[in-house]
Amino acid sequence: MATLREIEVKYRFKEVDCDITGMPVHQPATIASLFDYLKHETKEVFIVVNLTKQHDINCFEVVATGSVDAVSLRPVEVLRTAVILNLKVVMLIHNHPSGKTEPSQADINITRRIFEVAKMFDITVLDHIIIGLNQYTSLQETHPHIFQ
């Protein structure tokens, strides 16, 4: 007898100290404040926030955890939940344990790759936010050409 794998989508609820759930998200500062806890992580953590067409937060997923200065992932892993849940918009977030939020060339390259793959699925990548120690950087603000 052959074995067949079945995919099961399951939500877990996480309490957050923030009043933005259920409200549209349009500013990077709003998302940065929600995921500010990442500044305390000692390894890079890459998160995708899945939004509705109206930019309400539906859910988020920790896609990958890396090392002190890198994280390895594929665009398909980032977009998987948006495709399964039929969501049209995502925001990308990861931290820099060094505390400095200047995007590396690897950050720019993966953002560009995710953006290109997302376009094929008619998914909009709103931004990629890098969380550091008491600061953040929005690639939409510093590198807008990636998102065009």
C-alpha atoms as a PDB file:
ATOM      1  CA  MET A   1       0.000   0.000   0.000  1.00  0.00           C
ATOM      2  CA  ALA A   2       1.310   3.449  -0.913  1.00  0.00           C
ATOM      3  CA  THR A   3       1.506   6.319   1.549  1.00  0.00           C
ATOM      4  CA  LEU A   4      -0.122   9.606   0.662  1.00  0.00           C
ATOM      5  CA  ARG A   5       0.635  12.824   2.531  1.00  0.00           C
ATOM      6  CA  GLU A   6      -2.274  15.066   3.415  1.00  0.00           C
ATOM      7  CA  ILE A   7      -1.818  18.779   4.042  1.00  0.00           C
ATOM      8  CA  GLU A   8      -3.644  20.190   7.034  1.00  0.00           C
ATOM      9  CA  VAL A   9      -3.899  23.946   7.549  1.00  0.00           C
ATOM     10  CA  LYS A  10      -4.134  24.851  11.216  1.00  0.00           C
ATOM     11  CA  TYR A  11      -4.314  28.245  12.910  1.00  0.00           C
ATOM     12  CA  ARG A  12      -2.762  28.908  16.293  1.00  0.00           C
ATOM     13  CA  PHE A  13      -3.657  32.138  17.994  1.00  0.00           C
ATOM     14  CA  LYS A  14      -0.986  34.350  19.521  1.00  0.00           C
ATOM     15  CA  GLU A  15      -1.721  37.123  21.992  1.00  0.00           C
ATOM     16  CA  VAL A  16      -0.064  40.373  20.948  1.00  0.00           C
ATOM     17  CA  ASP A  17       0.214  43.686  22.747  1.00  0.00           C
ATOM     18  CA  CYS A  18      -1.045  45.716  19.817  1.00  0.00           C
ATOM     19  CA  ASP A  19      -4.330  47.210  18.669  1.00  0.00           C
ATOM     20  CA  ILE A  20      -3.890  46.736  14.923  1.00  0.00           C
ATOM     21  CA  THR A  21      -5.368  43.294  14.407  1.00  0.00           C
ATOM     22  CA  GLY A  22      -8.535  43.609  12.349  1.00  0.00           C
ATOM     23  CA  MET A  23      -7.488  47.030  11.073  1.00  0.00           C
ATOM     24  CA  PRO A  24      -5.927  47.816   7.681  1.00  0.00           C
ATOM     25  CA  VAL A  25      -2.139  48.087   7.702  1.00  0.00           C
ATOM     26  CA  HIS A  26      -0.687  50.743   5.428  1.00  0.00           C
ATOM     27  CA  GLN A  27       2.417  52.002   7.257  1.00  0.00           C
ATOM     28  CA  PRO A  28       5.639  50.061   7.828  1.00  0.00           C
ATOM     29  CA  ALA A  29       5.868  51.511  11.355  1.00  0.00           C
ATOM     30  CA  THR A  30       2.665  49.665  12.278  1.00  0.00           C
ATOM     31  CA  ILE A  31       4.057  46.275  11.288  1.00  0.00           C
ATOM     32  CA  ALA A  32       7.462  47.114  12.775  1.00  0.00           C
ATOM     33  CA  SER A  33       5.828  47.817  16.143  1.00  0.00           C
ATOM     34  CA  LEU A  34       3.900  44.545  16.047  1.00  0.00           C
ATOM     35  CA  PHE A  35       7.073  42.517  15.433  1.00  0.00           C
ATOM     36  CA  ASP A  36       9.400  44.655  17.565  1.00  0.00           C
ATOM     37  CA  TYR A  37      10.071  41.619  19.783  1.00  0.00           C
ATOM     38  CA  LEU A  38      12.337  40.310  17.000  1.00  0.00           C
ATOM     39  CA  LYS A  39      15.001  42.810  18.121  1.00  0.00           C
ATOM     40  CA  HIS A  40      15.761  40.433  21.006  1.00  0.00           C
ATOM     41  CA  GLU A  41      16.320  37.360  18.810  1.00  0.00           C
ATOM     42  CA  THR A  42      19.905  36.115  18.555  1.00  0.00           C
ATOM     43  CA  LYS A  43      19.331  34.484  15.161  1.00  0.00           C
ATOM     44  CA  GLU A  44      17.719  35.855  12.023  1.00  0.00           C
ATOM     45  CA  VAL A  45      13.997  35.050  11.866  1.00  0.00           C
ATOM     46  CA  PHE A  46      12.067  35.514   8.609  1.00  0.00           C
ATOM     47  CA  ILE A  47       8.321  36.093   8.881  1.00  0.00           C
ATOM     48  CA  VAL A  48       5.635  36.608   6.269  1.00  0.00           C
ATOM     49  CA  VAL A  49       2.489  38.510   7.222  1.00  0.00           C
ATOM     50  CA  ASN A  50      -0.468  37.507   5.065  1.00  0.00           C
ATOM     51  CA  LEU A  51      -2.993  40.260   4.448  1.00  0.00           C
ATOM     52  CA  THR A  52      -6.403  40.491   2.850  1.00  0.00           C
ATOM     53  CA  LYS A  53      -6.964  42.598  -0.247  1.00  0.00           C
ATOM     54  CA  GLN A  54      -8.013  45.415   2.104  1.00  0.00           C
ATOM     55  CA  HIS A  55      -4.677  45.004   3.966  1.00  0.00           C
ATOM     56  CA  ASP A  56      -6.177  43.528   7.147  1.00  0.00           C
ATOM     57  CA  ILE A  57      -3.834  41.070   8.852  1.00  0.00           C
ATOM     58  CA  ASN A  58      -5.094  37.525   8.347  1.00  0.00           C
ATOM     59  CA  CYS A  59      -2.150  35.610   9.802  1.00  0.00           C
ATOM     60  CA  PHE A  60       1.609  35.423   9.971  1.00  0.00           C
ATOM     61  CA  GLU A  61       4.045  32.574   9.593  1.00  0.00           C
ATOM     62  CA  VAL A  62       7.626  32.123  10.758  1.00  0.00           C
ATOM     63  CA  VAL A  63       9.087  30.879   7.490  1.00  0.00           C
ATOM     64  CA  ALA A  64      12.678  30.281   8.559  1.00  0.00           C
ATOM     65  CA  THR A  65      15.152  30.734  11.371  1.00  0.00           C
ATOM     66  CA  GLY A  66      18.764  31.160  10.396  1.00  0.00           C
ATOM     67  CA  SER A  67      22.078  31.993  11.999  1.00  0.00           C
ATOM     68  CA  VAL A  68      23.422  35.176  13.546  1.00  0.00           C
ATOM     69  CA  ASP A  69      23.850  36.837  10.140  1.00  0.00           C
ATOM     70  CA  ALA A  70      21.904  34.872   7.529  1.00  0.00           C
ATOM     71  CA  VAL A  71      18.717  32.963   6.846  1.00  0.00           C
ATOM     72  CA  SER A  72      18.126  30.526   4.002  1.00  0.00           C
ATOM     73  CA  LEU A  73      14.743  30.250   2.306  1.00  0.00           C
ATOM     74  CA  ARG A  74      12.996  29.871  -1.024  1.00  0.00           C
ATOM     75  CA  PRO A  75      10.241  32.156  -2.387  1.00  0.00           C
ATOM     76  CA  VAL A  76       7.828  29.205  -2.460  1.00  0.00           C
ATOM     77  CA  GLU A  77       8.170  28.799   1.311  1.00  0.00           C
ATOM     78  CA  VAL A  78       7.376  32.489   1.815  1.00  0.00           C
ATOM     79  CA  LEU A  79       4.304  32.478  -0.432  1.00  0.00           C
ATOM     80  CA  ARG A  80       2.917  29.046   0.459  1.00  0.00           C
ATOM     81  CA  THR A  81       0.411  30.239   3.074  1.00  0.00           C
ATOM     82  CA  ALA A  82      -0.873  33.104   0.918  1.00  0.00           C
ATOM     83  CA  VAL A  83      -1.511  30.633  -1.913  1.00  0.00           C
ATOM     84  CA  ILE A  84      -3.204  28.043   0.324  1.00  0.00           C
ATOM     85  CA  LEU A  85      -5.426  30.661   2.004  1.00  0.00           C
ATOM     86  CA  ASN A  86      -6.053  32.531  -1.261  1.00  0.00           C
ATOM     87  CA  LEU A  87      -4.702  35.830   0.097  1.00  0.00           C
ATOM     88  CA  LYS A  88      -3.572  38.594  -2.235  1.00  0.00           C
ATOM     89  CA  VAL A  89      -1.074  40.619  -0.205  1.00  0.00           C
ATOM     90  CA  VAL A  90       2.015  39.868   1.907  1.00  0.00           C
ATOM     91  CA  MET A  91       4.571  41.791   3.932  1.00  0.00           C
ATOM     92  CA  LEU A  92       8.014  40.374   4.626  1.00  0.00           C
ATOM     93  CA  ILE A  93       9.806  40.874   7.929  1.00  0.00           C
ATOM     94  CA  HIS A  94      13.090  39.724   9.328  1.00  0.00           C
ATOM     95  CA  ASN A  95      15.485  40.834  12.000  1.00  0.00           C
ATOM     96  CA  HIS A  96      19.174  41.648  12.095  1.00  0.00           C
ATOM     97  CA  PRO A  97      20.574  40.422  15.434  1.00  0.00           C
ATOM     98  CA  SER A  98      23.421  42.942  15.048  1.00  0.00           C
ATOM     99  CA  GLY A  99      20.829  45.670  15.653  1.00  0.00           C
ATOM    100  CA  LYS A 100      21.736  47.468  12.426  1.00  0.00           C
ATOM    101  CA  THR A 101      18.954  47.589   9.852  1.00  0.00           C
ATOM    102  CA  GLU A 102      20.837  48.417   6.664  1.00  0.00           C
ATOM    103  CA  PRO A 103      19.761  45.821   4.070  1.00  0.00           C
ATOM    104  CA  SER A 104      22.459  43.486   2.791  1.00  0.00           C
ATOM    105  CA  GLN A 105      22.769  42.568  -0.861  1.00  0.00           C
ATOM    106  CA  ALA A 106      21.286  39.163   0.075  1.00  0.00           C
ATOM    107  CA  ASP A 107      18.258  40.957   1.598  1.00  0.00           C
ATOM    108  CA  ILE A 108      17.748  42.934  -1.606  1.00  0.00           C
ATOM    109  CA  ASN A 109      18.199  39.859  -3.813  1.00  0.00           C
ATOM    110  CA  ILE A 110      15.716  37.660  -1.917  1.00  0.00           C
ATOM    111  CA  THR A 111      13.166  40.481  -1.835  1.00  0.00           C
ATOM    112  CA  ARG A 112      13.471  40.858  -5.605  1.00  0.00           C
ATOM    113  CA  ARG A 113      13.089  37.083  -6.135  1.00  0.00           C
ATOM    114  CA  ILE A 114      10.045  36.853  -3.859  1.00  0.00           C
ATOM    115  CA  PHE A 115       8.486  39.874  -5.599  1.00  0.00           C
ATOM    116  CA  GLU A 116       8.970  38.288  -9.042  1.00  0.00           C
ATOM    117  CA  VAL A 117       7.515  34.916  -7.993  1.00  0.00           C
ATOM    118  CA  ALA A 118       4.606  36.595  -6.180  1.00  0.00           C
ATOM    119  CA  LYS A 119       3.691  38.466  -9.378  1.00  0.00           C
ATOM    120  CA  MET A 120       3.195  35.133 -11.134  1.00  0.00           C
ATOM    121  CA  PHE A 121       0.585  34.229  -8.492  1.00  0.00           C
ATOM    122  CA  ASP A 122      -1.034  37.684  -8.545  1.00  0.00           C
ATOM    123  CA  ILE A 123       0.180  38.334  -4.990  1.00  0.00           C
ATOM    124  CA  THR A 124       1.356  41.811  -4.019  1.00  0.00           C
ATOM    125  CA  VAL A 125       4.468  42.178  -1.852  1.00  0.00           C
ATOM    126  CA  LEU A 126       3.836  45.451   0.002  1.00  0.00           C
ATOM    127  CA  ASP A 127       7.149  45.762   1.797  1.00  0.00           C
ATOM    128  CA  HIS A 128      10.101  44.023   3.401  1.00  0.00           C
ATOM    129  CA  ILE A 129      10.864  45.369   6.850  1.00  0.00           C
ATOM    130  CA  ILE A 130      14.126  44.756   8.680  1.00  0.00           C
ATOM    131  CA  ILE A 131      13.901  44.954  12.471  1.00  0.00           C
ATOM    132  CA  GLY A 132      16.938  46.051  14.458  1.00  0.00           C
ATOM    133  CA  LEU A 133      17.608  47.350  17.918  1.00  0.00           C
ATOM    134  CA  ASN A 134      15.062  50.157  18.436  1.00  0.00           C
ATOM    135  CA  GLN A 135      14.850  50.851  14.699  1.00  0.00           C
ATOM    136  CA  TYR A 136      13.582  49.386  11.464  1.00  0.00           C
ATOM    137  CA  THR A 137      14.147  49.827   7.746  1.00  0.00           C
ATOM    138  CA  SER A 138      11.451  49.578   5.098  1.00  0.00           C
ATOM    139  CA  LEU A 139      12.818  48.387   1.759  1.00  0.00           C
ATOM    140  CA  GLN A 140       9.751  49.939   0.111  1.00  0.00           C
ATOM    141  CA  GLU A 141      11.037  53.306   1.371  1.00  0.00           C
ATOM    142  CA  THR A 142      14.774  52.793   0.786  1.00  0.00           C
ATOM    143  CA  HIS A 143      14.677  50.586  -2.345  1.00  0.00           C
ATOM    144  CA  PRO A 144      11.303  51.261  -4.044  1.00  0.00           C
ATOM    145  CA  HIS A 145      12.590  50.054  -7.442  1.00  0.00           C
ATOM    146  CA  ILE A 146      12.441  46.459  -6.154  1.00  0.00           C
ATOM    147  CA  PHE A 147       8.650  46.687  -5.849  1.00  0.00           C
ATOM    148  CA  GLN A 148       7.946  47.987  -9.386  1.00  0.00           C
END
